[in-house]
Amino acid sequence: MKLASKNRSDGSMRLRELVVFTVDLMSRCSSKGRKNVARHCCTSLGALGWFAKDDLLLVKKIADSLLNMMESLTCRSEVLHEGLIALVALCKDCMEICCISCKPNLLISLLDG
């Protein structure tokens, strides 16, 4: 996958389009019970977040999307696991988004198992 181009803004636009497409696909699949596709979308968002680490707004959008998916009631445990791994990796790479506010209930349930 070649995202970098001579024109940096062109590469940024392509990256944004990939993020928007992946977030949309993830939300559709997780609500329809297609856990494998939703799980792979979480993994893809983690990878896209690594590519976008210089664009804080895009990384925050990815993190917010992962967090929203994890907070949804339709989320399967396998999808939740991949989403959490991707979110933690984003936070390690981009310390600026560590101020994301999680609902306390979500954190407690994640710690319990």
C-alpha atoms as a PDB file:
ATOM      1  CA  MET A   1       0.000   0.000   0.000  1.00  0.00           C
ATOM      2  CA  LYS A   2       1.590   3.217  -1.111  1.00  0.00           C
ATOM      3  CA  LEU A   3       0.089   6.216   0.651  1.00  0.00           C
ATOM      4  CA  ALA A   4       2.938   8.660   0.269  1.00  0.00           C
ATOM      5  CA  SER A   5       3.009  10.731  -2.850  1.00  0.00           C
ATOM      6  CA  LYS A   6       4.920  13.728  -4.165  1.00  0.00           C
ATOM      7  CA  ASN A   7       2.033  15.918  -3.108  1.00  0.00           C
ATOM      8  CA  ARG A   8       1.675  15.488   0.668  1.00  0.00           C
ATOM      9  CA  SER A   9      -1.891  16.824   0.707  1.00  0.00           C
ATOM     10  CA  ASP A  10      -2.891  14.217  -1.885  1.00  0.00           C
ATOM     11  CA  GLY A  11      -1.517  11.464   0.355  1.00  0.00           C
ATOM     12  CA  SER A  12      -3.327  12.976   3.339  1.00  0.00           C
ATOM     13  CA  MET A  13      -6.605  13.042   1.427  1.00  0.00           C
ATOM     14  CA  ARG A  14      -6.217   9.390   0.446  1.00  0.00           C
ATOM     15  CA  LEU A  15      -5.472   8.487   4.043  1.00  0.00           C
ATOM     16  CA  ARG A  16      -8.552  10.390   5.235  1.00  0.00           C
ATOM     17  CA  GLU A  17     -10.705   8.617   2.638  1.00  0.00           C
ATOM     18  CA  LEU A  18      -9.412   5.237   3.802  1.00  0.00           C
ATOM     19  CA  VAL A  19     -10.167   6.126   7.415  1.00  0.00           C
ATOM     20  CA  VAL A  20     -13.701   7.324   6.614  1.00  0.00           C
ATOM     21  CA  PHE A  21     -14.388   4.205   4.532  1.00  0.00           C
ATOM     22  CA  THR A  22     -13.014   1.865   7.212  1.00  0.00           C
ATOM     23  CA  VAL A  23     -14.949   3.566  10.030  1.00  0.00           C
ATOM     24  CA  ASP A  24     -18.160   3.322   7.996  1.00  0.00           C
ATOM     25  CA  LEU A  25     -17.545  -0.335   7.155  1.00  0.00           C
ATOM     26  CA  MET A  26     -16.730  -1.124  10.786  1.00  0.00           C
ATOM     27  CA  SER A  27     -19.920   0.471  12.069  1.00  0.00           C
ATOM     28  CA  ARG A  28     -22.056  -1.320   9.488  1.00  0.00           C
ATOM     29  CA  CYS A  29     -20.474  -4.701  10.116  1.00  0.00           C
ATOM     30  CA  SER A  30     -20.436  -4.549  13.897  1.00  0.00           C
ATOM     31  CA  SER A  31     -24.139  -3.663  13.974  1.00  0.00           C
ATOM     32  CA  LYS A  32     -25.029  -6.492  11.562  1.00  0.00           C
ATOM     33  CA  GLY A  33     -23.108  -9.166  13.433  1.00  0.00           C
ATOM     34  CA  ARG A  34     -20.291  -9.561  10.918  1.00  0.00           C
ATOM     35  CA  LYS A  35     -17.686  -9.800  13.631  1.00  0.00           C
ATOM     36  CA  ASN A  36     -14.755 -10.914  11.454  1.00  0.00           C
ATOM     37  CA  VAL A  37     -15.036  -7.923   9.126  1.00  0.00           C
ATOM     38  CA  ALA A  38     -15.520  -5.528  12.055  1.00  0.00           C
ATOM     39  CA  ARG A  39     -12.511  -7.080  13.794  1.00  0.00           C
ATOM     40  CA  HIS A  40     -10.346  -6.607  10.711  1.00  0.00           C
ATOM     41  CA  CYS A  41     -11.586  -3.013  10.423  1.00  0.00           C
ATOM     42  CA  CYS A  42     -10.334  -2.351  13.961  1.00  0.00           C
ATOM     43  CA  THR A  43      -6.943  -3.761  13.018  1.00  0.00           C
ATOM     44  CA  SER A  44      -6.914  -1.657   9.848  1.00  0.00           C
ATOM     45  CA  LEU A  45      -7.785   1.490  11.785  1.00  0.00           C
ATOM     46  CA  GLY A  46      -4.854   0.796  14.084  1.00  0.00           C
ATOM     47  CA  ALA A  47      -2.533   0.563  11.077  1.00  0.00           C
ATOM     48  CA  LEU A  48      -4.033   3.679   9.488  1.00  0.00           C
ATOM     49  CA  GLY A  49      -3.537   5.484  12.791  1.00  0.00           C
ATOM     50  CA  TRP A  50       0.153   4.647  12.626  1.00  0.00           C
ATOM     51  CA  PHE A  51       0.353   6.138   9.127  1.00  0.00           C
ATOM     52  CA  ALA A  52      -1.592   9.205  10.285  1.00  0.00           C
ATOM     53  CA  LYS A  53       0.357   9.831  13.485  1.00  0.00           C
ATOM     54  CA  ASP A  54       1.489  13.243  12.212  1.00  0.00           C
ATOM     55  CA  ASP A  55      -2.151  14.309  11.686  1.00  0.00           C
ATOM     56  CA  LEU A  56      -3.491  14.617  15.220  1.00  0.00           C
ATOM     57  CA  LEU A  57      -7.064  15.359  14.109  1.00  0.00           C
ATOM     58  CA  LEU A  58      -7.203  12.210  11.996  1.00  0.00           C
ATOM     59  CA  VAL A  59      -5.697  10.108  14.787  1.00  0.00           C
ATOM     60  CA  LYS A  60      -8.289  11.515  17.189  1.00  0.00           C
ATOM     61  CA  LYS A  61     -11.045  10.625  14.710  1.00  0.00           C
ATOM     62  CA  ILE A  62      -9.734   7.060  14.546  1.00  0.00           C
ATOM     63  CA  ALA A  63      -9.480   6.831  18.334  1.00  0.00           C
ATOM     64  CA  ASP A  64     -12.983   8.266  18.793  1.00  0.00           C
ATOM     65  CA  SER A  65     -14.382   5.777  16.280  1.00  0.00           C
ATOM     66  CA  LEU A  66     -12.725   2.855  18.050  1.00  0.00           C
ATOM     67  CA  LEU A  67     -13.945   4.112  21.411  1.00  0.00           C
ATOM     68  CA  ASN A  68     -17.507   4.595  20.145  1.00  0.00           C
ATOM     69  CA  MET A  69     -17.488   1.088  18.714  1.00  0.00           C
ATOM     70  CA  MET A  70     -16.254  -0.354  22.003  1.00  0.00           C
ATOM     71  CA  GLU A  71     -18.932   1.515  23.949  1.00  0.00           C
ATOM     72  CA  SER A  72     -21.725   0.303  21.693  1.00  0.00           C
ATOM     73  CA  LEU A  73     -23.963  -2.434  23.000  1.00  0.00           C
ATOM     74  CA  THR A  74     -23.711  -4.414  19.749  1.00  0.00           C
ATOM     75  CA  CYS A  75     -19.962  -4.962  20.034  1.00  0.00           C
ATOM     76  CA  ARG A  76     -18.806  -8.611  20.188  1.00  0.00           C
ATOM     77  CA  SER A  77     -15.968  -9.575  22.527  1.00  0.00           C
ATOM     78  CA  GLU A  78     -13.607 -10.431  19.641  1.00  0.00           C
ATOM     79  CA  VAL A  79     -14.230  -7.039  18.046  1.00  0.00           C
ATOM     80  CA  LEU A  80     -13.861  -5.319  21.408  1.00  0.00           C
ATOM     81  CA  HIS A  81     -10.486  -7.013  21.887  1.00  0.00           C
ATOM     82  CA  GLU A  82      -9.159  -5.856  18.497  1.00  0.00           C
ATOM     83  CA  GLY A  83     -10.538  -2.356  19.046  1.00  0.00           C
ATOM     84  CA  LEU A  84      -8.851  -2.106  22.421  1.00  0.00           C
ATOM     85  CA  ILE A  85      -5.517  -3.316  21.022  1.00  0.00           C
ATOM     86  CA  ALA A  86      -5.713  -0.731  18.223  1.00  0.00           C
ATOM     87  CA  LEU A  87      -6.673   2.050  20.649  1.00  0.00           C
ATOM     88  CA  VAL A  88      -3.844   1.244  23.064  1.00  0.00           C
ATOM     89  CA  ALA A  89      -1.355   1.172  20.177  1.00  0.00           C
ATOM     90  CA  LEU A  90      -2.600   4.586  19.020  1.00  0.00           C
ATOM     91  CA  CYS A  91      -2.178   5.981  22.516  1.00  0.00           C
ATOM     92  CA  LYS A  92       1.376   4.634  22.686  1.00  0.00           C
ATOM     93  CA  ASP A  93       2.264   6.224  19.344  1.00  0.00           C
ATOM     94  CA  CYS A  94       0.432   9.517  19.893  1.00  0.00           C
ATOM     95  CA  MET A  95       0.528  10.543  23.526  1.00  0.00           C
ATOM     96  CA  GLU A  96      -1.562  13.633  22.735  1.00  0.00           C
ATOM     97  CA  ILE A  97      -4.736  11.541  22.414  1.00  0.00           C
ATOM     98  CA  CYS A  98      -4.334   9.898  25.815  1.00  0.00           C
ATOM     99  CA  CYS A  99      -6.715  12.499  27.190  1.00  0.00           C
ATOM    100  CA  ILE A 100      -9.623  10.665  25.530  1.00  0.00           C
ATOM    101  CA  SER A 101     -12.410  10.400  28.054  1.00  0.00           C
ATOM    102  CA  CYS A 102     -13.737   6.895  28.588  1.00  0.00           C
ATOM    103  CA  LYS A 103     -16.878   6.118  30.449  1.00  0.00           C
ATOM    104  CA  PRO A 104     -15.891   4.634  33.837  1.00  0.00           C
ATOM    105  CA  ASN A 105     -18.184   1.634  33.251  1.00  0.00           C
ATOM    106  CA  LEU A 106     -16.296   0.732  30.075  1.00  0.00           C
ATOM    107  CA  LEU A 107     -12.951   0.818  31.850  1.00  0.00           C
ATOM    108  CA  ILE A 108     -14.248  -1.288  34.727  1.00  0.00           C
ATOM    109  CA  SER A 109     -15.730  -3.888  32.378  1.00  0.00           C
ATOM    110  CA  LEU A 110     -12.482  -4.051  30.373  1.00  0.00           C
ATOM    111  CA  LEU A 111     -10.453  -4.582  33.526  1.00  0.00           C
ATOM    112  CA  ASP A 112     -12.813  -7.302  34.758  1.00  0.00           C
ATOM    113  CA  GLY A 113     -12.437  -9.405  31.689  1.00  0.00           C
END
